[in-house]
Amino acid sequence: MDFSLDILGCGSATPTMRHLPSCQVVTHRRRLMMIDCGEGAQLQMRRQRLQFSRLRHIFISHIHGDHFLGLPGLLSTMALHDTGGTVTVHCLRQGAELLRSIMAVLCRDTSFDIEYDVIEPREAVIIDDDALRVSTFPLYHRVPAVGFRFDEKPKPRHIDGEAVRFYGVSHAWMERLRRGEDYVAPDGRVIENARLTRPADRSCSYAYCSDTMYDERVARAVAGVDTLYHEATYLTDRADKAAPRGHSTAAEAGRIATLAGVRRLVVGHYSKSYDSDEPFAAEAATTFAGQVIPAREGLHLDLDF
């Protein structure tokens, strides 16, 4: 699997015996990218056998403790393991300033470089390479907050081995064929690409919406993604607490998924007020007809579905 998601924590502000604070890891082509880093994140990485050495990007949605306080400990532990290269922390300006101060006290020397990419609560592309685009969009919480969207770039077509041998296509042409070009033989004949290749695998996408009240602008920002994680701190029975605290209900998460036209919805960020997670998926399913998955620690999802 080239594109996958691991849930390390899916509780809200107060850790409970059932859930840890927010943390996820997206893996794309063996590169690990963490989204939020609540307390206990590094222990969950060990439990879920996620390699510290492959972690290269950390995205922080906002500067509330349940999304941020695990990060100094994680980086300090990585320094003890002689992790090399560069780890980029993408966070709001306040978070970058705070983390620099903390790391200056806790861990002055690291075996890897820490880069701080200061992001703003607006729509912007923050990573754009040959395989993946990562972008931000604003959320609507009590403090500035952002969501993150991961979109795979179009994938290369598959070479039809028998066809290229039949037409005598040289190895030098293979990359051009994968990009969709027609083959021009030495004698000038043009062989259509469709006769030499098979269609590319479908590109997939994932979006993460942490703390936010219900707002249809979020649906526009995540429109068309395959898998959406949307916070569902409360059920409708406590809807009067949701918006004033900058949160959503499970039914509201389902409405956002419906408006956005997503294929699959993951709900989480459960309030400690509830003894069971099962009603969250059931309530979201009343407003969203697609697949609803309740988040839990240890959950692994293939995003290439």
Protein backbone atom coordinates (compact mmCIF):
# COMPACT_ATOMS: atom_id res chain seq x y z
CA MET A 1 0.00 0.00 0.00
CA ASP A 2 1.50 3.31 -1.11
CA PHE A 3 -0.99 5.56 0.72
CA SER A 4 -2.34 4.76 4.18
CA LEU A 5 -3.52 6.22 7.48
CA ASP A 6 -2.82 5.16 11.06
CA ILE A 7 -4.83 6.57 13.97
CA LEU A 8 -2.65 7.06 17.07
CA GLY A 9 -5.11 9.13 19.11
CA CYS A 10 -8.73 10.17 18.60
CA GLY A 11 -9.93 11.57 21.92
CA SER A 12 -10.63 15.21 22.70
CA ALA A 13 -8.96 17.49 25.22
CA THR A 14 -8.87 15.14 28.22
CA PRO A 15 -7.13 11.74 27.84
CA THR A 16 -9.26 8.84 29.04
CA MET A 17 -8.77 5.14 29.66
CA ARG A 18 -10.17 4.54 26.15
CA HIS A 19 -8.58 7.26 24.07
CA LEU A 20 -5.43 9.36 23.65
CA PRO A 21 -5.40 12.92 22.31
CA SER A 22 -5.32 13.64 18.60
CA CYS A 23 -2.57 12.15 16.45
CA GLN A 24 -2.48 10.49 13.05
CA VAL A 25 0.22 9.32 10.64
CA VAL A 26 -0.20 9.39 6.87
CA THR A 27 2.22 7.17 4.96
CA HIS A 28 2.85 7.90 1.30
CA ARG A 29 5.46 5.87 -0.56
CA ARG A 30 7.19 4.93 2.71
CA ARG A 31 7.38 8.58 3.83
CA LEU A 32 5.69 9.19 7.20
CA MET A 33 3.82 12.43 7.85
CA MET A 34 2.27 13.06 11.27
CA ILE A 35 -0.85 15.16 11.77
CA ASP A 36 -1.14 16.65 15.25
CA CYS A 37 0.86 15.24 18.14
CA GLY A 38 -1.01 14.84 21.40
CA GLU A 39 0.52 13.27 24.50
CA GLY A 40 1.36 9.60 24.08
CA ALA A 41 2.08 9.88 20.36
CA GLN A 42 5.56 8.40 20.52
CA LEU A 43 4.39 5.39 22.54
CA GLN A 44 1.64 4.76 20.01
CA MET A 45 4.19 4.93 17.19
CA ARG A 46 6.03 2.06 18.89
CA ARG A 47 2.86 0.06 19.48
CA GLN A 48 1.84 0.47 15.85
CA ARG A 49 5.35 -0.25 14.57
CA LEU A 50 5.79 3.08 12.80
CA GLN A 51 9.44 3.91 12.26
CA PHE A 52 10.73 7.17 13.74
CA SER A 53 13.46 7.32 11.09
CA ARG A 54 10.89 7.63 8.29
CA LEU A 55 9.04 10.57 9.88
CA ARG A 56 9.82 13.67 7.81
CA HIS A 57 6.85 16.03 8.17
CA ILE A 58 4.71 16.98 11.18
CA PHE A 59 1.56 19.05 10.67
CA ILE A 60 0.00 20.83 13.66
CA SER A 61 -3.57 22.03 13.17
CA HIS A 62 -3.68 24.50 16.07
CA ILE A 63 -2.00 25.32 19.35
CA HIS A 64 -4.18 23.56 21.90
CA GLY A 65 -2.40 21.14 24.20
CA ASP A 66 -4.22 17.99 23.08
CA HIS A 67 -2.90 18.57 19.54
CA PHE A 68 0.62 19.78 20.38
CA LEU A 69 2.02 18.67 23.75
CA GLY A 70 3.39 15.34 22.55
CA LEU A 71 5.69 17.01 20.04
CA PRO A 72 8.62 18.12 22.28
CA GLY A 73 8.91 14.62 23.72
CA LEU A 74 8.72 12.99 20.30
CA LEU A 75 11.46 15.20 18.85
CA SER A 76 13.64 14.68 21.93
CA THR A 77 13.31 10.91 21.60
CA MET A 78 14.14 11.05 17.91
CA ALA A 79 17.31 12.97 18.81
CA LEU A 80 18.38 10.10 21.09
CA HIS A 81 17.99 7.66 18.21
CA ASP A 82 20.48 9.47 15.94
CA THR A 83 17.79 10.20 13.39
CA GLY A 84 19.38 12.01 10.47
CA GLY A 85 18.10 14.31 7.75
CA THR A 86 15.47 17.00 8.23
CA VAL A 87 12.13 17.00 10.02
CA THR A 88 9.83 19.83 8.99
CA VAL A 89 7.21 21.06 11.45
CA HIS A 90 4.35 22.85 9.72
CA CYS A 91 2.47 24.97 12.24
CA LEU A 92 1.07 28.40 12.99
CA ARG A 93 3.52 31.12 14.00
CA GLN A 94 2.71 30.90 17.72
CA GLY A 95 3.45 27.18 17.67
CA ALA A 96 6.78 27.61 15.89
CA GLU A 97 7.91 30.22 18.42
CA LEU A 98 6.80 28.07 21.35
CA LEU A 99 8.45 24.91 20.05
CA ARG A 100 11.75 26.69 19.35
CA SER A 101 11.80 27.88 22.98
CA ILE A 102 10.95 24.44 24.38
CA MET A 103 13.51 22.62 22.25
CA ALA A 104 16.20 25.14 23.20
CA VAL A 105 15.73 24.06 26.82
CA LEU A 106 15.01 20.34 26.43
CA CYS A 107 17.19 19.37 23.50
CA ARG A 108 19.76 21.86 22.25
CA ASP A 109 21.53 19.37 19.98
CA THR A 110 19.76 17.02 17.61
CA SER A 111 21.16 14.62 15.04
CA PHE A 112 18.66 15.98 12.54
CA ASP A 113 17.67 19.45 11.43
CA ILE A 114 14.32 20.84 12.55
CA GLU A 115 12.78 23.23 10.05
CA TYR A 116 9.73 25.31 10.88
CA ASP A 117 7.29 26.04 8.10
CA VAL A 118 5.05 28.81 9.40
CA ILE A 119 1.56 28.40 7.96
CA GLU A 120 -1.46 30.69 8.04
CA PRO A 121 -5.14 29.80 8.60
CA ARG A 122 -5.97 30.05 4.90
CA GLU A 123 -5.96 27.96 1.74
CA ALA A 124 -2.39 27.37 0.58
CA VAL A 125 -0.20 24.63 -0.88
CA ILE A 126 2.62 23.72 1.52
CA ILE A 127 4.10 20.62 -0.18
CA ASP A 128 4.08 20.08 -3.93
CA ASP A 129 6.35 17.35 -5.26
CA ASP A 130 6.13 14.89 -8.14
CA ALA A 131 3.81 12.52 -6.26
CA LEU A 132 1.80 14.47 -3.68
CA ARG A 133 0.30 17.86 -2.96
CA VAL A 134 -0.44 18.88 0.64
CA SER A 135 -2.53 21.97 1.25
CA THR A 136 -4.08 23.83 4.16
CA PHE A 137 -7.53 25.36 4.61
CA PRO A 138 -9.08 27.30 7.51
CA LEU A 139 -11.12 25.68 10.24
CA TYR A 140 -13.51 27.48 12.58
CA HIS A 141 -12.48 26.90 16.18
CA ARG A 142 -11.94 29.13 19.23
CA VAL A 143 -8.37 29.80 18.10
CA PRO A 144 -6.82 29.94 14.61
CA ALA A 145 -6.82 26.43 13.17
CA VAL A 146 -6.20 24.71 9.85
CA GLY A 147 -7.13 21.47 8.18
CA PHE A 148 -4.87 19.51 5.87
CA ARG A 149 -5.60 17.97 2.50
CA PHE A 150 -3.41 15.31 0.83
CA ASP A 151 -3.89 14.83 -2.93
CA GLU A 152 -1.93 12.31 -4.95
CA LYS A 153 -0.66 13.53 -8.31
CA PRO A 154 -1.69 11.62 -11.46
CA LYS A 155 0.11 8.30 -11.51
CA PRO A 156 2.11 6.90 -14.45
CA ARG A 157 0.55 4.48 -16.91
CA HIS A 158 1.55 0.82 -16.84
CA ILE A 159 3.78 -0.55 -19.59
CA ASP A 160 2.37 -3.47 -21.58
CA GLY A 161 5.43 -5.70 -21.81
CA GLU A 162 4.24 -7.81 -24.74
CA ALA A 163 3.21 -4.78 -26.76
CA VAL A 164 6.48 -2.87 -26.36
CA ARG A 165 8.44 -6.00 -27.31
CA PHE A 166 6.25 -6.52 -30.37
CA TYR A 167 6.86 -2.97 -31.58
CA GLY A 168 10.53 -3.02 -30.60
CA VAL A 169 10.26 -0.03 -28.28
CA SER A 170 13.63 0.82 -26.71
CA HIS A 171 14.05 1.16 -22.95
CA ALA A 172 14.77 4.88 -23.39
CA TRP A 173 11.10 5.41 -24.29
CA MET A 174 9.59 3.80 -21.20
CA GLU A 175 9.32 6.90 -19.06
CA ARG A 176 7.75 8.85 -21.90
CA LEU A 177 5.21 6.09 -22.42
CA ARG A 178 4.36 6.14 -18.70
CA ARG A 179 3.65 9.88 -19.08
CA GLY A 180 1.18 9.13 -21.89
CA GLU A 181 3.22 10.02 -24.99
CA ASP A 182 2.76 8.18 -28.27
CA TYR A 183 5.75 6.19 -29.54
CA VAL A 184 7.55 7.37 -32.68
CA ALA A 185 9.43 4.47 -34.29
CA PRO A 186 12.76 5.00 -36.09
CA ASP A 187 10.97 4.69 -39.44
CA GLY A 188 8.56 7.49 -38.49
CA ARG A 189 5.54 5.36 -37.61
CA VAL A 190 3.50 6.66 -34.68
CA ILE A 191 2.14 4.01 -32.31
CA GLU A 192 -0.63 5.25 -30.04
CA ASN A 193 0.16 5.14 -26.35
CA ALA A 194 -3.01 3.16 -25.58
CA ARG A 195 -1.62 0.25 -27.62
CA LEU A 196 1.56 0.15 -25.52
CA THR A 197 0.33 0.84 -22.00
CA ARG A 198 -2.52 0.17 -19.59
CA PRO A 199 -4.35 2.89 -17.64
CA ALA A 200 -2.70 4.34 -14.54
CA ASP A 201 -3.91 3.50 -11.06
CA ARG A 202 -6.41 5.96 -9.67
CA SER A 203 -4.99 8.84 -7.62
CA CYS A 204 -6.55 9.17 -4.17
CA SER A 205 -6.98 11.91 -1.58
CA TYR A 206 -7.42 12.41 2.16
CA ALA A 207 -8.47 15.41 4.26
CA TYR A 208 -8.14 16.03 8.00
CA CYS A 209 -10.48 18.38 9.83
CA SER A 210 -9.59 18.68 13.49
CA ASP A 211 -11.38 21.06 15.87
CA THR A 212 -14.03 23.06 14.03
CA MET A 213 -17.63 24.04 14.38
CA TYR A 214 -20.00 23.18 11.53
CA ASP A 215 -19.28 25.45 8.57
CA GLU A 216 -20.07 24.78 4.91
CA ARG A 217 -16.82 26.45 3.88
CA VAL A 218 -15.09 23.34 5.22
CA ALA A 219 -17.14 21.20 2.81
CA ARG A 220 -15.99 23.34 -0.11
CA ALA A 221 -12.35 23.01 0.97
CA VAL A 222 -12.48 19.20 1.08
CA ALA A 223 -14.80 18.71 -1.89
CA GLY A 224 -14.25 15.46 -3.74
CA VAL A 225 -11.73 13.81 -1.40
CA ASP A 226 -11.97 10.05 -1.11
CA THR A 227 -11.55 9.81 2.68
CA LEU A 228 -12.42 12.57 5.14
CA TYR A 229 -11.60 12.67 8.85
CA HIS A 230 -13.91 15.14 10.56
CA GLU A 231 -14.13 15.79 14.27
CA ALA A 232 -17.33 14.70 16.00
CA THR A 233 -16.78 15.73 19.59
CA TYR A 234 -20.45 15.51 20.54
CA LEU A 235 -23.68 13.80 19.61
CA THR A 236 -26.80 15.81 18.89
CA ASP A 237 -27.87 15.46 22.52
CA ARG A 238 -25.13 17.97 23.38
CA ALA A 239 -25.43 20.16 20.28
CA ASP A 240 -25.82 23.20 22.54
CA LYS A 241 -22.20 22.71 23.65
CA ALA A 242 -20.70 22.09 20.20
CA ALA A 243 -20.68 25.45 18.41
CA PRO A 244 -19.90 27.60 21.49
CA ARG A 245 -16.84 25.42 22.11
CA GLY A 246 -15.81 25.39 18.45
CA HIS A 247 -16.75 21.77 17.81
CA SER A 248 -19.14 19.67 15.72
CA THR A 249 -21.62 16.90 16.32
CA ALA A 250 -21.46 13.57 14.51
CA ALA A 251 -24.54 14.52 12.49
CA GLU A 252 -22.83 17.74 11.41
CA ALA A 253 -19.73 15.79 10.37
CA GLY A 254 -21.99 13.65 8.20
CA ARG A 255 -23.55 16.72 6.62
CA ILE A 256 -20.11 18.10 5.74
CA ALA A 257 -19.19 14.75 4.15
CA THR A 258 -22.40 14.79 2.12
CA LEU A 259 -21.93 18.37 0.93
CA ALA A 260 -18.31 17.60 0.00
CA GLY A 261 -19.24 14.48 -1.96
CA VAL A 262 -16.64 12.29 -0.22
CA ARG A 263 -16.61 8.52 -0.47
CA ARG A 264 -15.72 7.63 3.13
CA LEU A 265 -15.99 9.43 6.47
CA VAL A 266 -13.94 8.80 9.61
CA VAL A 267 -15.25 10.42 12.80
CA GLY A 268 -13.30 11.01 16.01
CA HIS A 269 -12.16 13.53 18.66
CA TYR A 270 -14.70 12.03 21.06
CA SER A 271 -15.69 13.90 24.21
CA LYS A 272 -14.90 12.18 27.50
CA SER A 273 -18.58 12.63 28.36
CA TYR A 274 -19.48 9.48 26.44
CA ASP A 275 -18.91 5.88 27.51
CA SER A 276 -19.14 4.39 24.00
CA ASP A 277 -18.01 5.41 20.51
CA GLU A 278 -20.59 3.36 18.63
CA PRO A 279 -23.31 6.06 18.57
CA PHE A 280 -20.99 8.51 16.77
CA ALA A 281 -20.80 6.47 13.55
CA ALA A 282 -24.50 5.66 13.78
CA GLU A 283 -25.44 9.33 14.09
CA ALA A 284 -23.11 10.39 11.26
CA ALA A 285 -24.76 7.74 9.06
CA THR A 286 -28.11 9.54 9.43
CA THR A 287 -26.74 12.46 7.42
CA PHE A 288 -24.19 10.69 5.19
CA ALA A 289 -24.99 7.75 2.93
CA GLY A 290 -21.40 6.62 2.37
CA GLN A 291 -19.17 4.48 4.56
CA VAL A 292 -18.69 5.79 8.11
CA ILE A 293 -15.79 4.52 10.22
CA PRO A 294 -15.40 5.35 13.92
CA ALA A 295 -11.78 6.23 14.70
CA ARG A 296 -9.90 4.22 17.32
CA GLU A 297 -6.28 3.91 18.37
CA GLY A 298 -4.50 1.33 16.23
CA LEU A 299 -6.86 1.71 13.27
CA HIS A 300 -5.05 1.31 9.94
CA LEU A 301 -6.79 2.39 6.72
CA ASP A 302 -5.69 1.94 3.14
CA LEU A 303 -6.26 5.29 1.43
CA ASP A 304 -5.67 3.70 -1.99
CA PHE A 305 -9.11 2.09 -1.91
